[in-house]
Amino acid sequence: MSSGKVVQVIGPVVDVEFPLSDKLPDINTALHIMKDDAVSL
């Protein structure tokens, strides 16, 4: 499983960034998103 970072959300489109060392998930693969409670400004 690859771990990435949500970069932006525009409507139904979610941009996710993955490290170069990780294999990209296959197209139409569900994402499991975990909320980070840390707040950064």
Protein backbone atom coordinates (compact mmCIF):
# COMPACT_ATOMS: atom_id res chain seq x y z
CA MET A 1 0.00 0.00 0.00
CA SER A 2 1.28 3.47 -0.88
CA SER A 3 1.05 6.42 1.49
CA GLY A 4 0.57 9.91 0.12
CA LYS A 5 -0.50 13.40 1.05
CA VAL A 6 -3.67 15.17 -0.10
CA VAL A 7 -2.46 18.33 -1.84
CA GLN A 8 -5.77 19.89 -2.86
CA VAL A 9 -9.46 19.16 -3.31
CA ILE A 10 -11.47 20.87 -6.04
CA GLY A 11 -15.03 19.59 -6.17
CA PRO A 12 -14.96 15.84 -6.77
CA VAL A 13 -11.25 15.88 -7.73
CA VAL A 14 -8.63 15.00 -5.11
CA ASP A 15 -4.95 15.61 -5.89
CA VAL A 16 -2.69 13.25 -3.95
CA GLU A 17 1.11 13.42 -3.89
CA PHE A 18 3.14 10.22 -3.42
CA PRO A 19 6.87 9.85 -2.70
CA LEU A 20 8.95 8.92 -5.75
CA SER A 21 10.07 5.73 -4.01
CA ASP A 22 6.46 4.43 -3.70
CA LYS A 23 4.59 2.60 -6.45
CA LEU A 24 1.51 4.54 -7.56
CA PRO A 25 -1.83 2.88 -6.79
CA ASP A 26 -3.78 1.48 -9.72
CA ILE A 27 -6.46 3.61 -11.41
CA ASN A 28 -9.91 3.27 -9.77
CA THR A 29 -8.38 2.17 -6.47
CA ALA A 30 -10.21 3.46 -3.38
CA LEU A 31 -8.34 5.87 -1.13
CA HIS A 32 -8.37 5.51 2.63
CA ILE A 33 -7.91 8.98 4.11
CA MET A 34 -6.88 9.48 7.72
CA LYS A 35 -7.39 12.88 9.31
CA ASP A 36 -4.42 14.52 10.99
CA ASP A 37 -5.68 16.62 13.89
CA ALA A 38 -2.62 18.86 13.84
CA VAL A 39 -3.37 22.40 12.68
CA SER A 40 -0.72 24.30 10.77
CA LEU A 41 -1.00 27.85 9.47
